[in-house]
N, C-alpha and C. Protein backbone atom coordinates (compact mmCIF):
# COMPACT_ATOMS: atom_id res chain seq x y z
N MET A 1 134.70 60.00 25.41
CA MET A 1 133.91 60.71 25.59
C MET A 1 132.81 61.33 24.91
N VAL A 2 132.53 61.29 23.69
CA VAL A 2 131.52 61.05 22.48
C VAL A 2 130.96 59.97 23.25
N LYS A 3 130.87 59.00 23.17
CA LYS A 3 130.37 57.69 23.80
C LYS A 3 129.40 58.14 25.10
N ASN A 4 130.06 59.13 25.96
CA ASN A 4 129.36 59.00 27.34
C ASN A 4 128.42 60.45 27.22
N GLU A 5 128.65 61.37 25.28
CA GLU A 5 127.72 62.62 25.57
C GLU A 5 126.51 61.48 24.74
N ILE A 6 126.79 60.89 23.87
CA ILE A 6 125.72 59.89 23.13
C ILE A 6 124.50 59.05 24.30
N PHE A 7 125.41 58.90 25.08
CA PHE A 7 124.68 57.74 26.10
C PHE A 7 124.00 58.69 26.86
N SER A 8 124.17 60.15 27.49
CA SER A 8 123.21 60.75 28.03
C SER A 8 122.45 61.35 27.44
N TRP A 9 122.39 61.62 25.92
CA TRP A 9 121.45 62.04 24.64
C TRP A 9 119.85 60.89 25.03
N ILE A 10 120.48 59.75 25.06
CA ILE A 10 119.55 58.09 24.70
C ILE A 10 119.25 58.10 26.23
N LYS A 11 119.23 58.34 27.56
CA LYS A 11 118.86 58.14 28.58
C LYS A 11 117.83 59.63 28.66
N SER A 12 118.36 60.49 28.39
CA SER A 12 117.22 61.64 28.07
C SER A 12 115.88 61.44 27.53
N ILE A 13 116.05 61.44 26.04
CA ILE A 13 115.09 60.84 25.12
C ILE A 13 114.15 59.46 25.76
N VAL A 14 114.95 58.78 26.33
CA VAL A 14 114.17 57.46 27.02
C VAL A 14 113.40 57.99 28.04
N PHE A 15 113.60 58.81 28.80
CA PHE A 15 113.46 59.25 30.18
C PHE A 15 112.24 60.32 29.60
N ALA A 16 112.10 61.04 28.41
CA ALA A 16 111.16 62.31 27.89
C ALA A 16 110.07 61.18 27.19
N LEU A 17 110.20 59.69 26.39
CA LEU A 17 109.18 58.94 26.03
C LEU A 17 108.92 59.02 26.94
N VAL A 18 109.34 58.20 28.02
CA VAL A 18 108.66 57.32 29.65
C VAL A 18 107.49 58.12 30.09
N ILE A 19 107.89 59.43 30.56
CA ILE A 19 107.40 60.35 30.63
C ILE A 19 105.62 60.61 30.26
N VAL A 20 106.03 61.24 28.45
CA VAL A 20 104.78 61.51 27.83
C VAL A 20 104.21 59.96 27.81
N PHE A 21 104.63 58.61 27.86
CA PHE A 21 103.88 57.86 27.72
C PHE A 21 103.26 57.66 29.01
N VAL A 22 103.41 58.10 30.31
CA VAL A 22 102.76 57.84 31.30
C VAL A 22 101.66 58.86 31.27
N CYS A 23 101.90 59.59 31.16
CA CYS A 23 100.69 61.49 30.94
C CYS A 23 99.74 60.82 30.22
N ARG A 24 100.03 60.30 29.06
CA ARG A 24 98.93 60.05 28.21
C ARG A 24 97.95 59.09 28.28
N GLN A 25 98.76 57.88 29.41
CA GLN A 25 98.31 56.49 29.83
C GLN A 25 97.39 56.93 30.85
N PHE A 26 97.75 58.23 31.65
CA PHE A 26 96.92 58.19 33.03
C PHE A 26 96.74 59.35 33.25
N LEU A 27 97.16 60.66 32.32
CA LEU A 27 96.59 61.64 33.30
C LEU A 27 95.75 62.52 31.79
N PHE A 28 96.65 62.49 30.69
CA PHE A 28 95.76 63.42 29.94
C PHE A 28 96.07 62.84 28.44
N THR A 29 94.78 62.60 27.69
CA THR A 29 95.13 62.33 26.10
C THR A 29 94.55 63.38 25.05
N PRO A 30 95.18 63.52 24.17
CA PRO A 30 94.64 64.57 22.63
C PRO A 30 93.28 63.56 22.26
N VAL A 31 92.28 64.82 21.76
CA VAL A 31 91.14 63.83 20.59
C VAL A 31 90.98 64.89 19.69
N THR A 32 90.40 63.86 18.52
CA THR A 32 90.10 64.75 18.00
C THR A 32 88.26 64.83 17.19
N VAL A 33 87.57 65.89 17.52
CA VAL A 33 86.32 66.05 17.63
C VAL A 33 85.73 65.62 16.11
N SER A 34 84.90 64.43 16.16
CA SER A 34 83.75 64.11 14.81
C SER A 34 82.81 64.31 14.71
N GLY A 35 82.36 64.98 14.15
CA GLY A 35 80.59 64.94 13.49
C GLY A 35 80.62 66.55 13.89
N GLU A 36 79.29 66.76 14.18
CA GLU A 36 78.79 68.02 14.52
C GLU A 36 77.67 68.12 15.59
N SER A 37 77.18 66.70 16.32
CA SER A 37 76.83 66.72 18.01
C SER A 37 77.25 67.92 18.59
N MET A 38 78.13 68.47 18.77
CA MET A 38 78.73 69.74 20.05
C MET A 38 78.16 70.73 19.50
N MET A 39 78.32 70.73 17.79
CA MET A 39 78.38 72.26 17.51
C MET A 39 77.03 73.40 18.18
N PRO A 40 77.61 74.14 18.79
CA PRO A 40 78.79 75.44 17.99
C PRO A 40 79.87 75.63 19.39
N THR A 41 80.06 74.56 20.15
CA THR A 41 80.88 74.55 21.04
C THR A 41 81.97 74.23 20.57
N PHE A 42 81.97 72.89 20.11
CA PHE A 42 83.22 72.27 19.70
C PHE A 42 82.43 71.90 17.91
N GLU A 43 83.51 72.27 17.22
CA GLU A 43 83.30 71.72 15.40
C GLU A 43 83.72 70.47 15.34
N ASP A 44 83.40 70.20 14.33
CA ASP A 44 84.12 68.88 13.52
C ASP A 44 85.49 69.27 13.27
N HIS A 45 86.60 68.65 13.68
CA HIS A 45 88.25 68.63 13.93
C HIS A 45 88.72 69.63 14.49
N ASN A 46 88.02 69.89 15.39
CA ASN A 46 88.61 70.70 16.33
C ASN A 46 89.51 69.38 17.39
N LYS A 47 90.97 69.87 18.06
CA LYS A 47 91.41 68.81 18.86
C LYS A 47 91.67 69.94 19.94
N VAL A 48 91.21 68.50 21.04
CA VAL A 48 91.23 68.83 22.35
C VAL A 48 92.18 68.09 23.28
N ILE A 49 92.31 68.26 24.37
CA ILE A 49 92.98 67.73 25.51
C ILE A 49 91.77 67.21 26.54
N VAL A 50 91.64 65.86 26.55
CA VAL A 50 90.92 65.16 28.05
C VAL A 50 92.30 64.66 29.05
N SER A 51 91.44 64.93 30.20
CA SER A 51 91.98 64.93 31.54
C SER A 51 91.22 63.45 31.64
N LYS A 52 92.14 62.68 32.21
CA LYS A 52 91.49 61.36 32.41
C LYS A 52 91.16 60.98 33.94
N ILE A 53 91.58 62.23 35.07
CA ILE A 53 91.58 62.42 35.94
C ILE A 53 90.62 63.46 36.89
N SER A 54 89.84 64.17 36.17
CA SER A 54 88.32 64.75 36.86
C SER A 54 87.62 64.33 37.16
N LYS A 55 87.31 64.50 38.15
CA LYS A 55 85.92 63.98 38.78
C LYS A 55 84.92 65.13 38.16
N ILE A 56 83.89 63.95 37.01
CA ILE A 56 83.00 64.29 36.23
C ILE A 56 81.88 65.08 36.94
N LYS A 57 81.51 66.30 36.72
CA LYS A 57 80.30 67.47 37.04
C LYS A 57 79.21 67.27 35.66
N ARG A 58 77.64 67.48 36.50
CA ARG A 58 77.10 67.89 35.31
C ARG A 58 77.58 69.02 34.41
N PHE A 59 77.20 69.07 33.54
CA PHE A 59 77.41 70.05 32.45
C PHE A 59 78.64 70.26 31.89
N ASP A 60 79.94 69.38 32.48
CA ASP A 60 81.14 68.82 31.93
C ASP A 60 80.98 68.12 30.74
N VAL A 61 81.62 68.53 29.56
CA VAL A 61 82.00 67.94 28.16
C VAL A 61 82.88 66.82 28.43
N VAL A 62 82.46 65.57 28.00
CA VAL A 62 83.10 64.15 28.27
C VAL A 62 83.49 63.82 26.83
N VAL A 63 84.28 63.03 26.87
CA VAL A 63 84.64 62.37 25.73
C VAL A 63 84.66 60.59 26.37
N PHE A 64 83.55 59.92 25.63
CA PHE A 64 83.51 57.91 25.71
C PHE A 64 83.19 57.21 24.75
N LYS A 65 83.42 56.05 25.04
CA LYS A 65 83.48 54.36 24.05
C LYS A 65 81.51 55.34 23.63
N SER A 66 81.38 54.84 22.35
CA SER A 66 80.50 54.72 21.79
C SER A 66 80.13 53.42 22.80
N PRO A 67 78.45 53.40 22.97
CA PRO A 67 78.32 51.78 23.21
C PRO A 67 77.47 51.20 21.72
N GLU A 68 77.83 51.87 20.63
CA GLU A 68 77.08 51.35 19.21
C GLU A 68 78.15 50.84 18.76
N SER A 69 79.67 51.80 18.89
CA SER A 69 80.35 51.33 17.49
C SER A 69 81.87 51.50 18.30
N ASP A 70 83.24 51.15 17.57
CA ASP A 70 84.00 51.60 18.05
C ASP A 70 84.92 53.17 18.24
N ASP A 71 83.30 54.08 18.36
CA ASP A 71 84.52 55.79 17.87
C ASP A 71 83.66 56.00 19.43
N ASN A 72 84.47 57.00 19.42
CA ASN A 72 84.85 57.99 20.80
C ASN A 72 83.79 58.97 20.37
N TYR A 73 82.58 59.52 21.95
CA TYR A 73 81.73 60.24 21.24
C TYR A 73 82.31 61.48 22.35
N ILE A 74 81.79 62.65 22.06
CA ILE A 74 82.13 64.18 22.72
C ILE A 74 80.48 64.65 22.90
N LYS A 75 80.30 64.45 24.24
CA LYS A 75 78.89 65.31 24.69
C LYS A 75 78.97 66.29 25.62
N ARG A 76 77.98 66.57 26.65
CA ARG A 76 77.82 67.13 27.67
C ARG A 76 77.10 66.33 28.95
N VAL A 77 77.79 66.63 29.80
CA VAL A 77 76.74 65.24 30.78
C VAL A 77 75.99 66.25 31.27
N ILE A 78 74.21 65.67 31.31
CA ILE A 78 73.56 66.34 31.52
C ILE A 78 72.82 65.59 33.24
N GLY A 79 73.18 64.62 33.05
CA GLY A 79 72.45 63.67 34.30
C GLY A 79 73.42 62.88 35.15
N LEU A 80 73.21 63.10 36.36
CA LEU A 80 74.39 62.60 37.08
C LEU A 80 73.41 61.13 37.84
N PRO A 81 74.21 60.31 38.46
CA PRO A 81 73.47 59.17 39.20
C PRO A 81 72.27 59.48 40.45
N GLY A 82 71.54 59.50 40.18
CA GLY A 82 70.37 59.38 41.00
C GLY A 82 69.04 61.19 40.49
N ASP A 83 69.78 61.27 39.38
CA ASP A 83 68.94 62.55 38.74
C ASP A 83 67.67 62.11 38.03
N THR A 84 66.64 63.18 38.10
CA THR A 84 65.30 62.61 37.21
C THR A 84 66.00 63.98 35.86
N ILE A 85 64.93 63.50 34.82
CA ILE A 85 65.62 64.70 34.05
C ILE A 85 64.35 64.59 32.75
N LYS A 86 63.87 65.79 32.55
CA LYS A 86 62.85 66.24 31.94
C LYS A 86 62.99 67.22 30.99
N VAL A 87 62.90 67.71 29.86
CA VAL A 87 62.59 69.32 29.28
C VAL A 87 61.39 69.21 29.06
N LYS A 88 60.89 70.09 28.91
CA LYS A 88 59.41 70.89 28.44
C LYS A 88 59.24 71.75 28.45
N GLY A 89 58.90 72.27 27.00
CA GLY A 89 59.40 73.58 26.53
C GLY A 89 60.65 74.32 26.15
N ASP A 90 61.23 73.44 26.07
CA ASP A 90 62.73 74.41 25.25
C ASP A 90 63.27 74.31 27.01
N VAL A 91 62.94 74.19 27.87
CA VAL A 91 63.71 73.64 29.82
C VAL A 91 64.49 72.62 29.63
N LEU A 92 65.42 72.57 30.53
CA LEU A 92 65.80 71.37 30.97
C LEU A 92 66.00 71.19 32.58
N TYR A 93 64.89 70.31 32.68
CA TYR A 93 64.74 70.52 34.59
C TYR A 93 65.48 69.04 34.92
N ILE A 94 66.01 69.55 35.94
CA ILE A 94 67.00 67.83 36.88
C ILE A 94 66.59 67.96 38.32
N ASN A 95 66.15 67.10 38.78
CA ASN A 95 65.42 67.11 39.86
C ASN A 95 64.56 67.94 40.29
N GLY A 96 63.68 68.11 39.03
CA GLY A 96 62.02 69.61 39.45
C GLY A 96 62.69 70.71 39.19
N ARG A 97 64.24 70.89 39.01
CA ARG A 97 64.57 71.99 38.97
C ARG A 97 65.13 72.87 37.43
N ALA A 98 64.65 74.17 37.27
CA ALA A 98 64.68 74.62 35.57
C ALA A 98 66.29 75.03 35.94
N TYR A 99 67.16 74.03 34.82
CA TYR A 99 68.89 75.06 34.43
C TYR A 99 68.59 76.12 33.18
N GLU A 100 69.61 76.50 33.44
CA GLU A 100 69.89 77.73 32.00
C GLU A 100 70.72 76.65 31.54
N GLU A 101 70.87 76.68 30.00
CA GLU A 101 71.77 75.94 29.55
C GLU A 101 72.22 77.21 28.41
N PRO A 102 73.72 78.13 28.80
CA PRO A 102 73.86 79.21 28.04
C PRO A 102 74.34 78.42 26.83
N TYR A 103 74.88 77.22 26.20
CA TYR A 103 75.92 76.96 25.68
C TYR A 103 75.06 76.49 24.71
N LEU A 104 73.50 76.67 24.94
CA LEU A 104 72.62 76.70 23.79
C LEU A 104 71.64 77.98 23.28
N ASN A 105 72.63 78.80 23.72
CA ASN A 105 71.70 80.04 23.07
C ASN A 105 71.86 80.57 21.61
N GLN A 106 73.38 80.01 21.02
CA GLN A 106 73.25 81.06 19.61
C GLN A 106 72.13 79.81 18.67
N TYR A 107 71.59 78.65 19.24
CA TYR A 107 71.14 77.36 18.34
C TYR A 107 69.52 78.05 18.32
N LYS A 108 69.21 78.37 19.93
CA LYS A 108 68.14 78.97 20.05
C LYS A 108 67.36 80.33 19.49
N GLU A 109 68.70 80.85 19.55
CA GLU A 109 67.70 82.86 19.11
C GLU A 109 67.99 82.13 17.44
N ALA A 110 68.69 81.11 16.88
CA ALA A 110 68.24 81.21 15.15
C ALA A 110 66.69 80.60 14.67
N LEU A 111 66.35 80.12 15.80
CA LEU A 111 65.14 78.98 15.45
C LEU A 111 63.98 79.83 15.47
N PRO A 112 62.90 80.17 14.53
CA PRO A 112 61.67 80.76 14.22
C PRO A 112 61.09 80.46 15.56
N ILE A 113 60.38 81.67 16.05
CA ILE A 113 59.47 81.61 16.86
C ILE A 113 58.33 80.53 17.26
N GLY A 114 58.51 80.25 18.33
CA GLY A 114 57.78 79.00 18.43
C GLY A 114 58.16 77.52 18.27
N THR A 115 59.05 77.05 17.86
CA THR A 115 59.89 76.15 18.08
C THR A 115 60.51 76.11 18.84
N HIS A 116 61.15 74.72 19.21
CA HIS A 116 62.06 74.44 20.47
C HIS A 116 63.13 73.56 19.15
N LEU A 117 64.52 73.66 20.58
CA LEU A 117 65.68 73.62 19.39
C LEU A 117 65.35 72.12 20.44
N THR A 118 65.45 71.69 21.82
CA THR A 118 65.10 70.32 21.93
C THR A 118 63.41 69.97 21.82
N ASP A 119 63.37 68.43 21.88
CA ASP A 119 62.02 68.71 21.79
C ASP A 119 61.48 67.97 23.33
N ASP A 120 60.57 68.26 23.62
CA ASP A 120 59.91 67.73 25.39
C ASP A 120 60.33 66.10 25.46
N PHE A 121 60.53 65.75 26.49
CA PHE A 121 60.91 64.22 26.99
C PHE A 121 61.05 64.07 28.42
N THR A 122 60.64 62.95 29.07
CA THR A 122 61.09 62.40 30.34
C THR A 122 62.53 61.60 30.14
N LEU A 123 62.78 61.16 31.45
CA LEU A 123 63.68 60.15 31.53
C LEU A 123 63.38 58.75 31.31
N ALA A 124 62.39 58.78 31.86
CA ALA A 124 61.20 57.35 31.70
C ALA A 124 60.72 57.37 30.25
N GLU A 125 60.44 58.10 29.59
CA GLU A 125 60.09 58.31 28.22
C GLU A 125 61.50 57.48 26.97
N LYS A 126 62.55 58.20 27.35
CA LYS A 126 63.63 57.68 26.54
C LYS A 126 64.61 56.72 27.03
N THR A 127 64.22 56.37 28.45
CA THR A 127 65.07 55.00 29.38
C THR A 127 64.63 53.57 29.71
N GLY A 128 63.36 54.46 29.83
CA GLY A 128 62.47 53.30 30.55
C GLY A 128 62.70 53.36 32.28
N LYS A 129 63.77 54.13 32.79
CA LYS A 129 63.94 54.82 34.23
C LYS A 129 63.88 55.64 35.19
N THR A 130 63.35 56.06 36.00
CA THR A 130 63.02 56.93 35.97
C THR A 130 63.97 58.25 36.67
N GLN A 131 65.06 57.78 36.93
CA GLN A 131 66.45 58.05 37.28
C GLN A 131 67.75 57.42 36.59
N VAL A 132 68.79 57.85 37.23
CA VAL A 132 70.44 58.00 36.04
C VAL A 132 70.66 56.95 37.15
N PRO A 133 70.52 55.25 36.83
CA PRO A 133 71.26 54.42 37.55
C PRO A 133 73.04 54.84 37.93
N GLU A 134 72.73 54.47 39.39
CA GLU A 134 74.60 54.15 39.58
C GLU A 134 75.29 53.90 38.55
N GLY A 135 76.11 54.55 39.00
CA GLY A 135 77.65 53.87 37.88
C GLY A 135 77.36 53.94 36.07
N THR A 136 76.70 55.49 36.27
CA THR A 136 76.20 55.87 34.96
C THR A 136 76.00 57.04 35.01
N ILE A 137 76.09 58.02 33.55
CA ILE A 137 75.73 59.16 33.47
C ILE A 137 74.73 59.44 32.02
N PHE A 138 73.84 60.63 32.15
CA PHE A 138 72.82 60.87 31.01
C PHE A 138 73.73 61.89 30.03
N VAL A 139 73.69 61.94 28.67
CA VAL A 139 74.62 62.84 28.55
C VAL A 139 73.27 63.48 27.16
N MET A 140 73.83 64.36 26.30
CA MET A 140 73.60 64.95 25.29
C MET A 140 74.62 66.09 24.95
N GLY A 141 74.25 66.03 23.02
CA GLY A 141 75.01 67.12 22.25
C GLY A 141 74.64 67.72 22.84
N ASP A 142 74.97 69.48 22.59
CA ASP A 142 74.59 70.48 22.40
C ASP A 142 74.01 71.35 21.34
N ASN A 143 74.00 70.32 20.20
CA ASN A 143 73.26 70.68 18.81
C ASN A 143 72.25 69.39 18.89
N ARG A 144 71.48 69.90 19.67
CA ARG A 144 70.23 68.78 19.78
C ARG A 144 69.48 68.60 18.96
N ARG A 145 69.39 69.05 17.76
CA ARG A 145 68.72 68.56 16.70
C ARG A 145 69.07 67.55 15.99
N ASN A 146 70.37 67.66 16.17
CA ASN A 146 71.53 66.88 15.42
C ASN A 146 72.49 65.96 16.07
N SER A 147 71.97 65.65 16.76
CA SER A 147 73.04 64.46 18.12
C SER A 147 72.30 62.92 18.52
N ASN A 148 73.41 62.06 18.66
CA ASN A 148 72.95 60.96 18.87
C ASN A 148 73.38 60.81 20.20
N ASP A 149 72.92 60.58 21.09
CA ASP A 149 73.00 60.55 22.32
C ASP A 149 71.98 59.71 23.06
N SER A 150 72.32 60.04 24.52
CA SER A 150 71.39 59.38 25.46
C SER A 150 70.10 59.18 25.23
N ARG A 151 69.25 59.94 24.66
CA ARG A 151 68.50 59.72 24.35
C ARG A 151 67.81 59.02 23.22
N MET A 152 68.87 58.44 22.71
CA MET A 152 68.79 57.58 21.68
C MET A 152 69.17 56.42 22.00
N PHE A 153 70.45 56.43 22.48
CA PHE A 153 70.95 54.94 23.28
C PHE A 153 71.32 54.13 24.54
N GLY A 154 70.51 55.67 25.15
CA GLY A 154 71.16 55.50 26.86
C GLY A 154 71.85 55.74 27.50
N PHE A 155 72.34 55.33 29.43
CA PHE A 155 72.90 55.76 29.39
C PHE A 155 74.15 55.28 29.71
N ILE A 156 75.45 55.92 29.72
CA ILE A 156 76.69 55.97 29.37
C ILE A 156 77.29 55.33 30.77
N SER A 157 77.91 54.44 30.37
CA SER A 157 78.96 53.55 32.02
C SER A 157 79.95 54.45 32.34
N ASP A 158 80.27 54.58 33.63
CA ASP A 158 81.40 55.23 34.12
C ASP A 158 82.52 54.45 33.65
N LYS A 159 82.65 53.33 33.14
CA LYS A 159 83.91 52.84 32.77
C LYS A 159 84.14 53.10 31.58
N ALA A 160 83.00 53.66 30.66
CA ALA A 160 83.36 54.08 29.00
C ALA A 160 83.78 55.16 29.42
N VAL A 161 83.70 56.32 30.35
CA VAL A 161 84.11 57.51 30.08
C VAL A 161 85.93 57.54 29.66
N MET A 162 86.25 58.25 29.39
CA MET A 162 87.50 58.48 29.18
C MET A 162 87.96 59.48 30.22
N GLY A 163 87.42 60.70 29.85
CA GLY A 163 87.39 61.66 30.58
C GLY A 163 87.14 63.25 30.56
N GLU A 164 87.10 64.08 30.85
CA GLU A 164 86.39 65.40 30.66
C GLU A 164 87.21 66.38 29.54
N VAL A 165 86.60 67.07 29.10
CA VAL A 165 87.69 68.07 27.96
C VAL A 165 88.16 69.12 28.90
N LYS A 166 89.51 69.53 29.03
CA LYS A 166 89.71 70.50 29.71
C LYS A 166 90.27 71.61 28.74
N PHE A 167 90.63 71.87 27.54
CA PHE A 167 91.45 72.23 26.71
C PHE A 167 91.10 72.04 24.92
N ARG A 168 90.77 73.03 24.50
CA ARG A 168 91.38 72.83 22.76
C ARG A 168 92.54 74.26 22.28
N PHE A 169 93.07 72.91 21.54
CA PHE A 169 94.61 72.98 20.95
C PHE A 169 94.41 73.24 19.20
N PHE A 170 93.37 72.99 19.26
CA PHE A 170 93.11 73.77 17.45
C PHE A 170 91.64 73.94 17.45
N PRO A 171 91.10 74.52 16.17
CA PRO A 171 92.31 75.58 15.79
C PRO A 171 92.82 76.57 16.82
N PHE A 172 93.87 77.13 16.28
CA PHE A 172 94.79 77.99 17.21
C PHE A 172 93.85 79.73 17.54
N ASP A 173 93.34 79.58 16.51
CA ASP A 173 92.47 81.08 16.98
C ASP A 173 91.13 80.35 17.90
N GLU A 174 90.65 79.41 18.24
CA GLU A 174 89.81 79.26 19.17
C GLU A 174 90.50 78.37 20.62
N MET A 175 92.00 78.42 20.17
CA MET A 175 92.61 77.60 22.21
C MET A 175 92.43 78.42 22.96
N GLY A 176 92.06 77.17 23.94
CA GLY A 176 91.98 78.04 25.17
C GLY A 176 91.16 76.67 26.20
N ASN A 177 90.24 77.30 27.33
CA ASN A 177 89.35 76.50 27.84
C ASN A 177 88.13 76.19 27.15
N PRO A 178 87.41 75.56 26.49
CA PRO A 178 86.33 75.85 25.55
C PRO A 178 85.00 76.59 26.45
N GLU A 179 85.01 76.71 27.60
CA GLU A 179 83.84 77.21 28.09
C GLU A 179 83.50 78.37 28.02
């Protein structure tokens, strides 16, 4: 009788561990934010859940393998394959259309009048390409003055993307959807 009870518990624990392993490998994974490049959206040591099955869209926040080190980076998707990108006068233009970036408002409001958060650039100036190539994305941090992103290291391969940030679970007072 006791043997059956112990065996039943062991089966349940093993089953739970298999489910956790499968979910973490194929569906989602926890990630700790390191650095200030995504402030104020995410701060150093925030803990988030990354969905590995999301279809990546423009302005999603993603985690990817750094092209420069063994680190994982968290940045915002600005350009998708085929997009042209330009920033002029602190306004983001994608395919010739101006886009609002409300996630930058806190930083922009703190700037002295006449200064810009994001320096003017074109995709060609930063990458040598006029459009985002197939199989890649162009990313930037929300803390534009303090972000090592596609403006420095170029495009990110789709294969390097771990997934989309879906949920912040720490700190507890900021728990929830980060958008």
